[in-house]
Amino acid sequence: MATSTSSSLGGTFRLGDREVPRVGFGAMQLPGPGVYGPPEDRAEALAVLRTAVELGVRHIDTADFYGPHVSNELIREALHPYPDDLVIVTKVGSRRDDRKRWIPSRTPESLQEQVHDNLRTLGVEALDVVNVRVGGERGPVAGSIAAQVEAVAELQQQGLVRHVGVSTVDAQQVAEARSITSIVTVQNFYNLANRQDDHLVDALAEEGVSFVPYFPLGGFSPLQSDVLDEVAARLGATPMQVAQAWLLQRSPNLLLIPGTSSVAHLRENLAAAELELPAEEVGRLNGIAG
């Protein structure tokens, strides 16, 4: 099993106005079960964040509705004042109710309120990147997203948001968003078994725009595949590390945000940047998507 951490973390790619290592950290798993309430081990959650930065992570993905408020408050406690080269990406477009449900909340007024929520809980005067989250759990829903992007772009003009991204969108919606403001990143559901965005990944790479693949529940697991398990066994790695290494080799604009609430698992995730997949193994993995 690969266990050490690469100093390069997969090379770098531009995110907003900064170059960041391609392996970052997703904060979704820091709150309690169901991404709700306080962490089961607060000290470990804080240690995860501090260790991630110590090991070179400069891209943290979060949202005020994780917890709610919990992941942002942990980030602030662990890392504030933030390193100058740290990019914190947050997202708007959802809220949580007292039954732990995820409630879409995408009116322009609500999106702007959520931006202010993130400003407050992260303790910053301006957010590095705000992703406008639309669509469904695993994919985009056709239709205009102009009103949502314009709402966040208005706050960008006021200096409260430095850069804007979009999430769970199709190519047409990306083009619409880019006609309103500069879009620095796209965050969609994508992995070696779910490759419907292949063309979008390649198009954005040509434009110098990052693509951040997310997985349900914030992790890279489960990917149910005997092929993946077999490749991992041959390479002496975990299936998760192989899945991440495949993404790093898929396109240079892919930025990863694997999440965890464990320092040991964090180190394992970051070690995926060291894993080189031979061409024949990439061919086998490419076959998973059919």
Protein backbone atom coordinates (compact mmCIF):
# COMPACT_ATOMS: atom_id res chain seq x y z
CA MET A 1 0.00 0.00 0.00
CA ALA A 2 1.25 3.46 -0.85
CA THR A 3 1.53 5.39 2.41
CA SER A 4 3.93 8.29 1.97
CA THR A 5 2.92 11.72 0.74
CA SER A 6 4.17 13.34 -2.47
CA SER A 7 5.51 16.85 -2.01
CA SER A 8 4.05 17.82 -5.40
CA LEU A 9 0.60 16.34 -4.74
CA GLY A 10 0.09 15.59 -8.41
CA GLY A 11 1.54 18.78 -9.83
CA THR A 12 -0.38 22.05 -9.93
CA PHE A 13 -3.18 23.74 -11.86
CA ARG A 14 -4.71 27.19 -11.72
CA LEU A 15 -7.70 27.76 -9.45
CA GLY A 16 -8.85 31.35 -9.57
CA ASP A 17 -5.76 33.55 -9.46
CA ARG A 18 -3.48 30.94 -7.84
CA GLU A 19 -1.76 27.70 -8.73
CA VAL A 20 -2.67 24.92 -6.30
CA PRO A 21 -1.50 21.34 -5.88
CA ARG A 22 -3.91 19.06 -7.73
CA VAL A 23 -4.76 17.01 -4.65
CA GLY A 24 -6.76 19.06 -2.17
CA PHE A 25 -9.09 18.27 0.68
CA GLY A 26 -12.88 18.06 0.92
CA ALA A 27 -14.32 19.02 4.31
CA MET A 28 -17.66 17.25 3.91
CA GLN A 29 -16.73 14.34 6.16
CA LEU A 30 -15.61 16.46 9.10
CA PRO A 31 -19.06 16.96 10.72
CA GLY A 32 -20.95 14.17 12.45
CA PRO A 33 -22.81 11.26 10.84
CA GLY A 34 -24.91 12.29 7.87
CA VAL A 35 -22.80 15.47 7.55
CA TYR A 36 -24.82 16.81 10.47
CA GLY A 37 -23.84 18.09 13.88
CA PRO A 38 -20.45 18.14 15.57
CA PRO A 39 -17.67 15.67 14.70
CA GLU A 40 -17.39 12.47 16.65
CA ASP A 41 -13.77 13.39 17.44
CA ARG A 42 -13.23 17.15 17.33
CA ALA A 43 -9.51 16.96 18.08
CA GLU A 44 -8.98 14.54 15.20
CA ALA A 45 -11.01 16.72 12.83
CA LEU A 46 -8.85 19.72 13.67
CA ALA A 47 -5.71 17.60 13.31
CA VAL A 48 -6.83 16.48 9.84
CA LEU A 49 -7.10 20.08 8.65
CA ARG A 50 -3.78 21.13 10.15
CA THR A 51 -2.00 18.04 8.84
CA ALA A 52 -3.42 18.57 5.35
CA VAL A 53 -1.94 22.06 5.19
CA GLU A 54 1.35 20.86 6.69
CA LEU A 55 1.57 18.22 3.94
CA GLY A 56 1.06 20.75 1.17
CA VAL A 57 -2.67 20.91 0.56
CA ARG A 58 -3.65 24.40 -0.63
CA HIS A 59 -7.19 23.76 -1.86
CA ILE A 60 -9.94 23.08 0.69
CA ASP A 61 -13.51 22.52 -0.44
CA THR A 62 -16.31 23.25 2.02
CA ALA A 63 -19.82 24.68 2.44
CA ASP A 64 -21.67 26.34 5.28
CA PHE A 65 -24.45 23.75 4.94
CA TYR A 66 -22.03 20.99 5.97
CA GLY A 67 -23.10 20.51 9.55
CA PRO A 68 -24.63 23.06 9.06
CA HIS A 69 -21.83 25.52 9.91
CA VAL A 70 -19.64 22.78 11.38
CA SER A 71 -17.04 22.27 8.65
CA ASN A 72 -16.51 26.02 8.21
CA GLU A 73 -16.17 26.57 11.94
CA LEU A 74 -13.64 23.74 12.17
CA ILE A 75 -11.64 25.20 9.29
CA ARG A 76 -11.63 28.57 10.98
CA GLU A 77 -10.57 27.14 14.34
CA ALA A 78 -7.82 24.99 12.83
CA LEU A 79 -6.35 27.33 10.23
CA HIS A 80 -7.30 30.97 10.80
CA PRO A 81 -5.46 33.23 10.08
CA TYR A 82 -5.25 31.40 6.78
CA PRO A 83 -2.01 30.94 4.82
CA ASP A 84 -1.78 33.44 1.97
CA ASP A 85 -1.56 30.65 -0.60
CA LEU A 86 -4.54 28.64 0.72
CA VAL A 87 -7.63 28.64 -1.53
CA ILE A 88 -10.87 27.88 0.28
CA VAL A 89 -13.67 26.99 -2.11
CA THR A 90 -17.20 27.05 -0.77
CA LYS A 91 -20.55 26.44 -2.38
CA VAL A 92 -24.11 27.73 -2.19
CA GLY A 93 -27.40 26.23 -3.30
CA SER A 94 -28.59 24.08 -0.40
CA ARG A 95 -29.66 24.19 3.22
CA ARG A 96 -30.22 21.60 5.96
CA ASP A 97 -33.37 21.15 8.00
CA ASP A 98 -33.75 19.74 11.52
CA ARG A 99 -34.44 16.29 10.02
CA LYS A 100 -30.97 16.30 8.43
CA ARG A 101 -32.40 16.60 4.93
CA TRP A 102 -30.69 18.46 2.08
CA ILE A 103 -33.04 21.18 0.87
CA PRO A 104 -32.29 22.94 -2.45
CA SER A 105 -32.24 26.68 -1.80
CA ARG A 106 -31.45 28.55 -4.99
CA THR A 107 -33.40 31.77 -5.17
CA PRO A 108 -31.11 34.74 -5.76
CA GLU A 109 -31.93 36.05 -2.28
CA SER A 110 -31.12 32.73 -0.63
CA LEU A 111 -27.85 32.33 -2.53
CA GLN A 112 -26.70 35.76 -1.41
CA GLU A 113 -27.67 34.96 2.19
CA GLN A 114 -25.60 31.78 1.96
CA VAL A 115 -22.59 33.73 0.73
CA HIS A 116 -22.86 35.91 3.84
CA ASP A 117 -23.23 32.77 6.00
CA ASN A 118 -19.94 31.45 4.57
CA LEU A 119 -18.19 34.78 5.07
CA ARG A 120 -19.23 34.79 8.72
CA THR A 121 -18.44 31.18 9.62
CA LEU A 122 -15.10 31.15 7.79
CA GLY A 123 -14.18 34.53 9.28
CA VAL A 124 -13.14 36.24 6.05
CA GLU A 125 -13.99 39.49 4.30
CA ALA A 126 -14.09 37.88 0.87
CA LEU A 127 -14.49 34.27 -0.30
CA ASP A 128 -11.80 32.89 -2.62
CA VAL A 129 -14.17 30.88 -4.82
CA VAL A 130 -17.93 30.31 -4.57
CA ASN A 131 -19.44 27.44 -6.53
CA VAL A 132 -23.07 27.96 -7.53
CA ARG A 133 -24.57 24.50 -6.99
CA VAL A 134 -27.57 23.64 -9.17
CA GLY A 135 -28.89 20.38 -10.62
CA GLY A 136 -29.62 17.14 -8.80
CA GLU A 137 -27.65 14.81 -6.58
CA ARG A 138 -25.75 13.11 -9.37
CA GLY A 139 -26.23 15.26 -12.42
CA PRO A 140 -27.39 18.48 -14.02
CA VAL A 141 -30.98 19.48 -14.64
CA ALA A 142 -31.48 21.27 -17.94
CA GLY A 143 -32.52 24.92 -17.86
CA SER A 144 -31.18 28.40 -17.39
CA ILE A 145 -28.98 29.11 -14.37
CA ALA A 146 -28.54 32.78 -15.21
CA ALA A 147 -30.44 34.12 -12.19
CA GLN A 148 -28.35 32.00 -9.79
CA VAL A 149 -25.00 32.96 -11.33
CA GLU A 150 -25.99 36.63 -11.55
CA ALA A 151 -26.84 36.65 -7.84
CA VAL A 152 -23.33 35.54 -6.89
CA ALA A 153 -21.70 37.69 -9.59
CA GLU A 154 -23.38 40.71 -8.01
CA LEU A 155 -21.58 39.98 -4.75
CA GLN A 156 -18.38 39.43 -6.73
CA GLN A 157 -18.74 42.98 -8.05
CA GLN A 158 -19.09 44.15 -4.44
CA GLY A 159 -15.80 42.48 -3.52
CA LEU A 160 -17.32 39.77 -1.32
CA VAL A 161 -16.48 36.95 -3.77
CA ARG A 162 -13.19 36.80 -5.67
CA HIS A 163 -14.05 34.05 -8.15
CA VAL A 164 -17.12 32.12 -9.24
CA GLY A 165 -17.53 28.46 -10.15
CA VAL A 166 -20.50 26.27 -11.00
CA SER A 167 -21.46 22.78 -9.87
CA THR A 168 -23.64 19.97 -11.22
CA VAL A 169 -24.04 21.60 -14.61
CA ASP A 170 -24.01 20.65 -18.28
CA ALA A 171 -21.92 22.20 -21.03
CA GLN A 172 -24.69 24.57 -22.07
CA GLN A 173 -25.04 25.86 -18.53
CA VAL A 174 -21.27 26.34 -18.26
CA ALA A 175 -21.38 28.44 -21.42
CA GLU A 176 -24.31 30.46 -20.04
CA ALA A 177 -22.45 31.07 -16.76
CA ARG A 178 -19.32 32.13 -18.62
CA SER A 179 -21.35 34.71 -20.53
CA ILE A 180 -22.19 36.34 -17.17
CA THR A 181 -18.85 36.22 -15.38
CA SER A 182 -15.51 34.45 -15.53
CA ILE A 183 -15.95 30.83 -14.35
CA VAL A 184 -12.76 29.45 -12.80
CA THR A 185 -13.91 25.93 -11.94
CA VAL A 186 -16.62 23.34 -12.58
CA GLN A 187 -17.50 20.76 -9.95
CA ASN A 188 -19.47 17.76 -11.23
CA PHE A 189 -20.07 14.10 -10.43
CA TYR A 190 -17.32 12.23 -12.28
CA ASN A 191 -15.09 9.21 -11.77
CA LEU A 192 -13.66 6.28 -13.70
CA ALA A 193 -17.07 4.56 -13.71
CA ASN A 194 -19.12 7.70 -14.46
CA ARG A 195 -17.62 9.47 -17.45
CA GLN A 196 -20.51 11.37 -19.00
CA ASP A 197 -18.50 14.59 -18.67
CA ASP A 198 -15.47 13.41 -20.67
CA HIS A 199 -16.01 16.01 -23.40
CA LEU A 200 -16.57 18.78 -20.85
CA VAL A 201 -13.37 17.87 -18.99
CA ASP A 202 -11.38 18.09 -22.21
CA ALA A 203 -13.01 21.35 -23.34
CA LEU A 204 -12.32 23.01 -20.00
CA ALA A 205 -8.72 21.79 -20.04
CA GLU A 206 -8.20 23.57 -23.35
CA GLU A 207 -9.61 26.75 -21.77
CA GLY A 208 -7.43 26.46 -18.66
CA VAL A 209 -10.45 25.92 -16.39
CA SER A 210 -10.26 23.40 -13.57
CA PHE A 211 -12.72 20.52 -13.20
CA VAL A 212 -13.29 19.15 -9.70
CA PRO A 213 -14.88 15.68 -9.60
CA TYR A 214 -17.08 14.96 -6.62
CA PHE A 215 -18.47 11.69 -5.41
CA PRO A 216 -21.72 11.04 -3.51
CA LEU A 217 -21.34 11.69 0.22
CA GLY A 218 -18.07 13.49 -0.40
CA GLY A 219 -15.79 10.47 -0.80
CA PHE A 220 -14.35 8.37 -3.59
CA SER A 221 -16.01 5.21 -2.26
CA PRO A 222 -17.73 2.97 -2.94
CA LEU A 223 -16.67 2.14 -6.46
CA GLN A 224 -17.93 -1.40 -6.86
CA SER A 225 -15.62 -2.96 -9.41
CA ASP A 226 -13.70 -6.21 -9.45
CA VAL A 227 -11.40 -4.70 -12.09
CA LEU A 228 -10.53 -1.82 -9.78
CA ASP A 229 -9.86 -4.21 -6.91
CA GLU A 230 -7.64 -6.38 -9.11
CA VAL A 231 -5.61 -3.44 -10.42
CA ALA A 232 -5.16 -2.13 -6.88
CA ALA A 233 -3.95 -5.53 -5.67
CA ARG A 234 -1.39 -5.77 -8.48
CA LEU A 235 -0.07 -2.28 -7.72
CA GLY A 236 0.01 -2.71 -3.95
CA ALA A 237 -2.41 0.17 -3.46
CA THR A 238 -5.95 0.63 -2.25
CA PRO A 239 -8.85 0.84 -4.71
CA MET A 240 -9.38 4.44 -3.58
CA GLN A 241 -5.79 5.36 -4.37
CA VAL A 242 -6.08 3.81 -7.82
CA ALA A 243 -9.34 5.68 -8.48
CA GLN A 244 -7.67 8.95 -7.52
CA ALA A 245 -4.52 8.19 -9.52
CA TRP A 246 -6.68 7.49 -12.58
CA LEU A 247 -8.24 10.94 -12.23
CA LEU A 248 -4.83 12.61 -11.92
CA GLN A 249 -3.67 10.88 -15.10
CA ARG A 250 -6.96 11.50 -16.94
CA SER A 251 -6.47 15.23 -17.49
CA PRO A 252 -4.17 17.93 -16.07
CA ASN A 253 -7.09 20.20 -15.10
CA LEU A 254 -8.66 17.71 -12.69
CA LEU A 255 -8.35 18.86 -9.06
CA LEU A 256 -9.17 16.25 -6.42
CA ILE A 257 -10.86 16.87 -3.08
CA PRO A 258 -10.89 13.51 -1.25
CA GLY A 259 -12.33 13.90 2.22
CA THR A 260 -11.86 12.13 5.53
CA SER A 261 -12.07 12.67 9.27
CA SER A 262 -8.94 10.59 9.94
CA VAL A 263 -5.31 11.71 9.77
CA ALA A 264 -4.22 8.22 8.74
CA HIS A 265 -6.77 8.14 5.90
CA LEU A 266 -5.74 11.66 4.89
CA ARG A 267 -2.14 10.51 4.44
CA GLU A 268 -3.36 7.53 2.42
CA ASN A 269 -5.43 9.77 0.15
CA LEU A 270 -2.56 12.18 -0.47
CA ALA A 271 -0.23 9.29 -1.27
CA ALA A 272 -2.31 8.56 -4.37
CA ALA A 273 -0.40 11.41 -6.04
CA GLU A 274 2.68 9.15 -6.06
CA LEU A 275 0.96 6.25 -7.80
CA GLU A 276 1.84 5.88 -11.48
CA LEU A 277 -0.63 3.72 -13.39
CA PRO A 278 0.94 1.68 -16.23
CA ALA A 279 -0.75 2.09 -19.61
CA GLU A 280 -2.11 -1.44 -19.58
CA GLU A 281 -3.76 -0.88 -16.21
CA VAL A 282 -5.25 2.42 -17.41
CA GLY A 283 -6.73 0.50 -20.32
CA ARG A 284 -8.34 -1.98 -17.95
CA LEU A 285 -9.70 0.82 -15.77
CA ASN A 286 -11.08 2.65 -18.79
CA GLY A 287 -13.18 -0.40 -19.52
CA ILE A 288 -15.11 -0.04 -16.26
CA ALA A 289 -17.30 2.69 -17.70
CA GLY A 290 -18.24 0.43 -20.59
